[in-house]
């Protein structure tokens, strides 16, 4: 558990894992690594068709690994080397729940909680999903919470890496 000093009181920092599911853009993935590292995320779990940097044991073709790692590095700027990550083909929340994590999806939904009113648990796994269509309804049903960033403009949503950065800022409570 990490702690920080806040107004002369030592308080625990929430433990955060970032779940990155079905993100297509290597640039978004790189930005997510950079933001996650900056906000003290413990680990990133990438899944689905999300591209990911080189793994210690990597079964992908070497030229594919080199290309994806290089593209992710363009926006991660080395953060991919400082934050633990893993790749899973499918999302599985059971291990996270068994270790006390609450699963919160960052998505617009009729039953979502505004990010500004969300009470951050001690252990949270923040799920972000596909850039255009968002998180599939079948996945949302398996989440404990759905949190949403209020919008003022004409667009319906932020870029996925920007939205994750906003959410991580609130969740990290820096």
C-alpha atoms as a PDB file:
ATOM      1  CA  UNK A   1       0.000   0.000   0.000  1.00  0.00           C
ATOM      2  CA  UNK A   2       1.272   3.444  -0.936  1.00  0.00           C
ATOM      3  CA  UNK A   3       0.678   6.468   1.286  1.00  0.00           C
ATOM      4  CA  UNK A   4       0.906  10.201   0.812  1.00  0.00           C
ATOM      5  CA  UNK A   5       0.749  13.271   2.992  1.00  0.00           C
ATOM      6  CA  UNK A   6      -2.450  15.297   2.642  1.00  0.00           C
ATOM      7  CA  UNK A   7      -3.068  18.346   4.799  1.00  0.00           C
ATOM      8  CA  UNK A   8      -0.657  17.063   7.489  1.00  0.00           C
ATOM      9  CA  UNK A   9      -2.380  13.646   7.567  1.00  0.00           C
ATOM     10  CA  UNK A  10      -0.959  10.474   6.058  1.00  0.00           C
ATOM     11  CA  UNK A  11      -3.623   8.823   3.906  1.00  0.00           C
ATOM     12  CA  UNK A  12      -3.514   5.627   1.835  1.00  0.00           C
ATOM     13  CA  UNK A  13      -3.540   5.988  -1.926  1.00  0.00           C
ATOM     14  CA  UNK A  14      -6.040   3.842  -3.798  1.00  0.00           C
ATOM     15  CA  UNK A  15      -4.599   0.828  -5.592  1.00  0.00           C
ATOM     16  CA  UNK A  16      -5.472   1.180  -9.288  1.00  0.00           C
ATOM     17  CA  UNK A  17      -5.260  -1.313 -12.126  1.00  0.00           C
ATOM     18  CA  UNK A  18      -6.106  -0.141 -15.639  1.00  0.00           C
ATOM     19  CA  UNK A  19      -8.019  -2.596 -17.829  1.00  0.00           C
ATOM     20  CA  UNK A  20      -7.606  -1.729 -21.519  1.00  0.00           C
ATOM     21  CA  UNK A  21     -10.018  -3.762 -23.653  1.00  0.00           C
ATOM     22  CA  UNK A  22     -10.370  -3.659 -27.442  1.00  0.00           C
ATOM     23  CA  UNK A  23      -8.518  -0.397 -28.020  1.00  0.00           C
ATOM     24  CA  UNK A  24      -7.407  -0.307 -31.650  1.00  0.00           C
ATOM     25  CA  UNK A  25      -4.937   2.610 -31.772  1.00  0.00           C
ATOM     26  CA  UNK A  26      -1.314   2.087 -30.772  1.00  0.00           C
ATOM     27  CA  UNK A  27      -1.132   5.824 -30.079  1.00  0.00           C
ATOM     28  CA  UNK A  28      -3.990   5.584 -27.585  1.00  0.00           C
ATOM     29  CA  UNK A  29      -2.304   2.597 -25.948  1.00  0.00           C
ATOM     30  CA  UNK A  30       0.946   4.554 -25.637  1.00  0.00           C
ATOM     31  CA  UNK A  31      -0.895   7.529 -24.134  1.00  0.00           C
ATOM     32  CA  UNK A  32      -2.606   5.206 -21.656  1.00  0.00           C
ATOM     33  CA  UNK A  33       0.764   3.836 -20.542  1.00  0.00           C
ATOM     34  CA  UNK A  34       2.096   7.345 -20.052  1.00  0.00           C
ATOM     35  CA  UNK A  35      -0.928   8.546 -18.051  1.00  0.00           C
ATOM     36  CA  UNK A  36      -1.061   5.354 -15.994  1.00  0.00           C
ATOM     37  CA  UNK A  37       2.600   5.685 -15.062  1.00  0.00           C
ATOM     38  CA  UNK A  38       2.105   9.328 -14.095  1.00  0.00           C
ATOM     39  CA  UNK A  39      -0.859   8.582 -11.848  1.00  0.00           C
ATOM     40  CA  UNK A  40       0.771   5.632 -10.064  1.00  0.00           C
ATOM     41  CA  UNK A  41      -1.284   2.826 -11.601  1.00  0.00           C
ATOM     42  CA  UNK A  42      -0.026  -0.532 -10.297  1.00  0.00           C
ATOM     43  CA  UNK A  43      -0.462  -2.479 -13.507  1.00  0.00           C
ATOM     44  CA  UNK A  44      -2.103  -2.375 -16.918  1.00  0.00           C
ATOM     45  CA  UNK A  45      -3.984  -5.387 -18.215  1.00  0.00           C
ATOM     46  CA  UNK A  46      -4.515  -5.255 -21.980  1.00  0.00           C
ATOM     47  CA  UNK A  47      -7.059  -7.575 -23.594  1.00  0.00           C
ATOM     48  CA  UNK A  48      -8.999  -8.390 -26.732  1.00  0.00           C
ATOM     49  CA  UNK A  49      -7.529  -6.932 -29.896  1.00  0.00           C
ATOM     50  CA  UNK A  50      -5.629  -4.193 -28.037  1.00  0.00           C
ATOM     51  CA  UNK A  51      -2.047  -3.922 -29.338  1.00  0.00           C
ATOM     52  CA  UNK A  52       0.632  -4.334 -26.689  1.00  0.00           C
ATOM     53  CA  UNK A  53       4.404  -3.842 -26.403  1.00  0.00           C
ATOM     54  CA  UNK A  54       6.946  -6.650 -26.446  1.00  0.00           C
ATOM     55  CA  UNK A  55       6.479  -9.338 -23.801  1.00  0.00           C
ATOM     56  CA  UNK A  56       9.328 -11.339 -22.253  1.00  0.00           C
ATOM     57  CA  UNK A  57       7.891 -14.450 -23.910  1.00  0.00           C
ATOM     58  CA  UNK A  58       6.115 -13.258 -27.060  1.00  0.00           C
ATOM     59  CA  UNK A  59       4.476 -15.624 -29.538  1.00  0.00           C
ATOM     60  CA  UNK A  60       3.755 -12.948 -32.148  1.00  0.00           C
ATOM     61  CA  UNK A  61       5.882 -12.672 -35.282  1.00  0.00           C
ATOM     62  CA  UNK A  62       9.042 -10.624 -34.565  1.00  0.00           C
ATOM     63  CA  UNK A  63       8.312  -7.946 -37.198  1.00  0.00           C
ATOM     64  CA  UNK A  64       4.798  -7.439 -35.746  1.00  0.00           C
ATOM     65  CA  UNK A  65       6.222  -7.147 -32.214  1.00  0.00           C
ATOM     66  CA  UNK A  66       8.817  -4.604 -33.390  1.00  0.00           C
ATOM     67  CA  UNK A  67       6.247  -2.518 -35.277  1.00  0.00           C
ATOM     68  CA  UNK A  68       3.676  -2.410 -32.450  1.00  0.00           C
ATOM     69  CA  UNK A  69       6.279  -1.768 -29.749  1.00  0.00           C
ATOM     70  CA  UNK A  70       7.750   1.095 -31.783  1.00  0.00           C
ATOM     71  CA  UNK A  71       4.335   2.669 -32.425  1.00  0.00           C
ATOM     72  CA  UNK A  72       3.299   2.428 -28.770  1.00  0.00           C
ATOM     73  CA  UNK A  73       6.644   3.923 -27.721  1.00  0.00           C
ATOM     74  CA  UNK A  74       5.959   7.065 -29.824  1.00  0.00           C
ATOM     75  CA  UNK A  75       3.375   8.256 -27.304  1.00  0.00           C
ATOM     76  CA  UNK A  76       4.381   6.237 -24.225  1.00  0.00           C
ATOM     77  CA  UNK A  77       7.907   7.713 -24.366  1.00  0.00           C
ATOM     78  CA  UNK A  78       9.346   4.924 -22.231  1.00  0.00           C
ATOM     79  CA  UNK A  79       6.469   4.600 -19.750  1.00  0.00           C
ATOM     80  CA  UNK A  80       5.860   1.131 -21.202  1.00  0.00           C
ATOM     81  CA  UNK A  81       9.178   0.158 -19.574  1.00  0.00           C
ATOM     82  CA  UNK A  82       8.226   1.495 -16.125  1.00  0.00           C
ATOM     83  CA  UNK A  83       4.769   0.109 -15.489  1.00  0.00           C
ATOM     84  CA  UNK A  84       4.008  -3.605 -15.241  1.00  0.00           C
ATOM     85  CA  UNK A  85       1.606  -4.889 -17.870  1.00  0.00           C
ATOM     86  CA  UNK A  86       0.207  -8.123 -19.137  1.00  0.00           C
ATOM     87  CA  UNK A  87      -1.899  -9.245 -22.057  1.00  0.00           C
ATOM     88  CA  UNK A  88      -4.940 -11.487 -21.784  1.00  0.00           C
ATOM     89  CA  UNK A  89      -7.018 -12.584 -24.731  1.00  0.00           C
ATOM     90  CA  UNK A  90     -10.240 -12.374 -22.711  1.00  0.00           C
ATOM     91  CA  UNK A  91     -11.386 -10.159 -19.868  1.00  0.00           C
ATOM     92  CA  UNK A  92     -11.649 -12.057 -16.598  1.00  0.00           C
ATOM     93  CA  UNK A  93     -12.657 -10.131 -13.505  1.00  0.00           C
ATOM     94  CA  UNK A  94     -12.664 -13.102 -11.103  1.00  0.00           C
ATOM     95  CA  UNK A  95      -9.005 -12.866 -10.033  1.00  0.00           C
ATOM     96  CA  UNK A  96      -9.309  -9.106  -9.501  1.00  0.00           C
ATOM     97  CA  UNK A  97     -12.477  -9.519  -7.430  1.00  0.00           C
ATOM     98  CA  UNK A  98     -10.860 -12.319  -5.407  1.00  0.00           C
ATOM     99  CA  UNK A  99      -8.092  -9.902  -4.427  1.00  0.00           C
ATOM    100  CA  UNK A 100     -10.523  -7.153  -3.407  1.00  0.00           C
ATOM    101  CA  UNK A 101     -10.737  -4.983  -6.519  1.00  0.00           C
ATOM    102  CA  UNK A 102     -13.935  -3.224  -7.493  1.00  0.00           C
ATOM    103  CA  UNK A 103     -14.458  -3.165 -11.285  1.00  0.00           C
ATOM    104  CA  UNK A 104     -15.509   0.241 -12.616  1.00  0.00           C
ATOM    105  CA  UNK A 105     -16.219   0.829 -16.300  1.00  0.00           C
ATOM    106  CA  UNK A 106     -15.639   4.287 -17.763  1.00  0.00           C
ATOM    107  CA  UNK A 107     -18.662   4.564 -20.030  1.00  0.00           C
ATOM    108  CA  UNK A 108     -21.835   6.534 -20.715  1.00  0.00           C
ATOM    109  CA  UNK A 109     -24.889   4.628 -19.565  1.00  0.00           C
ATOM    110  CA  UNK A 110     -28.336   5.293 -18.117  1.00  0.00           C
ATOM    111  CA  UNK A 111     -27.201   4.021 -14.702  1.00  0.00           C
ATOM    112  CA  UNK A 112     -23.735   5.602 -14.645  1.00  0.00           C
ATOM    113  CA  UNK A 113     -22.385   7.631 -11.735  1.00  0.00           C
ATOM    114  CA  UNK A 114     -20.833  11.015 -12.467  1.00  0.00           C
ATOM    115  CA  UNK A 115     -17.079  10.869 -11.929  1.00  0.00           C
ATOM    116  CA  UNK A 116     -17.257  13.909  -9.656  1.00  0.00           C
ATOM    117  CA  UNK A 117     -19.666  12.056  -7.309  1.00  0.00           C
ATOM    118  CA  UNK A 118     -17.928   8.672  -7.387  1.00  0.00           C
ATOM    119  CA  UNK A 119     -16.535   7.397  -4.081  1.00  0.00           C
ATOM    120  CA  UNK A 120     -13.188   5.806  -4.861  1.00  0.00           C
ATOM    121  CA  UNK A 121     -12.682   2.386  -3.240  1.00  0.00           C
ATOM    122  CA  UNK A 122      -9.313   1.306  -1.798  1.00  0.00           C
ATOM    123  CA  UNK A 123      -8.789  -1.077  -4.732  1.00  0.00           C
ATOM    124  CA  UNK A 124     -10.197  -0.284  -8.162  1.00  0.00           C
ATOM    125  CA  UNK A 125      -9.792  -1.757 -11.626  1.00  0.00           C
ATOM    126  CA  UNK A 126     -10.775   0.882 -14.191  1.00  0.00           C
ATOM    127  CA  UNK A 127     -12.055  -0.590 -17.444  1.00  0.00           C
ATOM    128  CA  UNK A 128     -11.869   1.390 -20.639  1.00  0.00           C
ATOM    129  CA  UNK A 129     -13.071   0.091 -23.974  1.00  0.00           C
ATOM    130  CA  UNK A 130     -13.286   0.469 -27.706  1.00  0.00           C
ATOM    131  CA  UNK A 131     -12.760   3.969 -29.086  1.00  0.00           C
ATOM    132  CA  UNK A 132     -15.939   4.392 -31.165  1.00  0.00           C
ATOM    133  CA  UNK A 133     -18.555   2.045 -29.714  1.00  0.00           C
ATOM    134  CA  UNK A 134     -17.387   1.868 -26.110  1.00  0.00           C
ATOM    135  CA  UNK A 135     -17.640  -1.114 -23.794  1.00  0.00           C
ATOM    136  CA  UNK A 136     -19.943  -3.923 -24.910  1.00  0.00           C
ATOM    137  CA  UNK A 137     -23.191  -4.200 -22.903  1.00  0.00           C
ATOM    138  CA  UNK A 138     -22.381  -7.803 -21.941  1.00  0.00           C
ATOM    139  CA  UNK A 139     -19.128  -6.596 -20.340  1.00  0.00           C
ATOM    140  CA  UNK A 140     -20.812  -3.615 -18.628  1.00  0.00           C
ATOM    141  CA  UNK A 141     -23.233  -6.020 -16.942  1.00  0.00           C
ATOM    142  CA  UNK A 142     -20.290  -7.722 -15.229  1.00  0.00           C
ATOM    143  CA  UNK A 143     -18.906  -4.472 -13.779  1.00  0.00           C
ATOM    144  CA  UNK A 144     -19.560  -3.269 -10.234  1.00  0.00           C
ATOM    145  CA  UNK A 145     -19.837   0.396 -11.212  1.00  0.00           C
ATOM    146  CA  UNK A 146     -20.176   2.496 -14.349  1.00  0.00           C
ATOM    147  CA  UNK A 147     -18.678   5.951 -14.101  1.00  0.00           C
ATOM    148  CA  UNK A 148     -19.112   8.773 -16.586  1.00  0.00           C
ATOM    149  CA  UNK A 149     -17.341  12.059 -17.248  1.00  0.00           C
ATOM    150  CA  UNK A 150     -19.820  14.961 -17.548  1.00  0.00           C
ATOM    151  CA  UNK A 151     -19.633  16.780 -20.887  1.00  0.00           C
ATOM    152  CA  UNK A 152     -20.454  20.406 -21.811  1.00  0.00           C
ATOM    153  CA  UNK A 153     -19.613  20.461 -25.527  1.00  0.00           C
ATOM    154  CA  UNK A 154     -21.369  19.232 -28.646  1.00  0.00           C
ATOM    155  CA  UNK A 155     -19.392  15.988 -28.865  1.00  0.00           C
ATOM    156  CA  UNK A 156     -20.681  12.988 -26.927  1.00  0.00           C
ATOM    157  CA  UNK A 157     -17.355  11.824 -25.546  1.00  0.00           C
ATOM    158  CA  UNK A 158     -13.642  12.453 -25.081  1.00  0.00           C
ATOM    159  CA  UNK A 159     -10.899  10.515 -26.817  1.00  0.00           C
ATOM    160  CA  UNK A 160     -10.416   7.277 -24.866  1.00  0.00           C
ATOM    161  CA  UNK A 161      -6.900   8.133 -23.673  1.00  0.00           C
ATOM    162  CA  UNK A 162      -7.989  11.637 -22.627  1.00  0.00           C
ATOM    163  CA  UNK A 163     -11.010  10.231 -20.768  1.00  0.00           C
ATOM    164  CA  UNK A 164      -8.818   7.684 -18.994  1.00  0.00           C
ATOM    165  CA  UNK A 165      -6.422  10.464 -17.956  1.00  0.00           C
ATOM    166  CA  UNK A 166      -9.271  12.516 -16.515  1.00  0.00           C
ATOM    167  CA  UNK A 167     -10.640   9.500 -14.631  1.00  0.00           C
ATOM    168  CA  UNK A 168      -7.211   8.461 -13.337  1.00  0.00           C
ATOM    169  CA  UNK A 169      -6.616  11.981 -12.016  1.00  0.00           C
ATOM    170  CA  UNK A 170      -9.822  11.749  -9.957  1.00  0.00           C
ATOM    171  CA  UNK A 171      -9.226   8.149  -8.864  1.00  0.00           C
ATOM    172  CA  UNK A 172      -5.607   8.788  -7.830  1.00  0.00           C
ATOM    173  CA  UNK A 173      -6.837  11.771  -5.785  1.00  0.00           C
ATOM    174  CA  UNK A 174      -3.541  13.611  -6.081  1.00  0.00           C
END
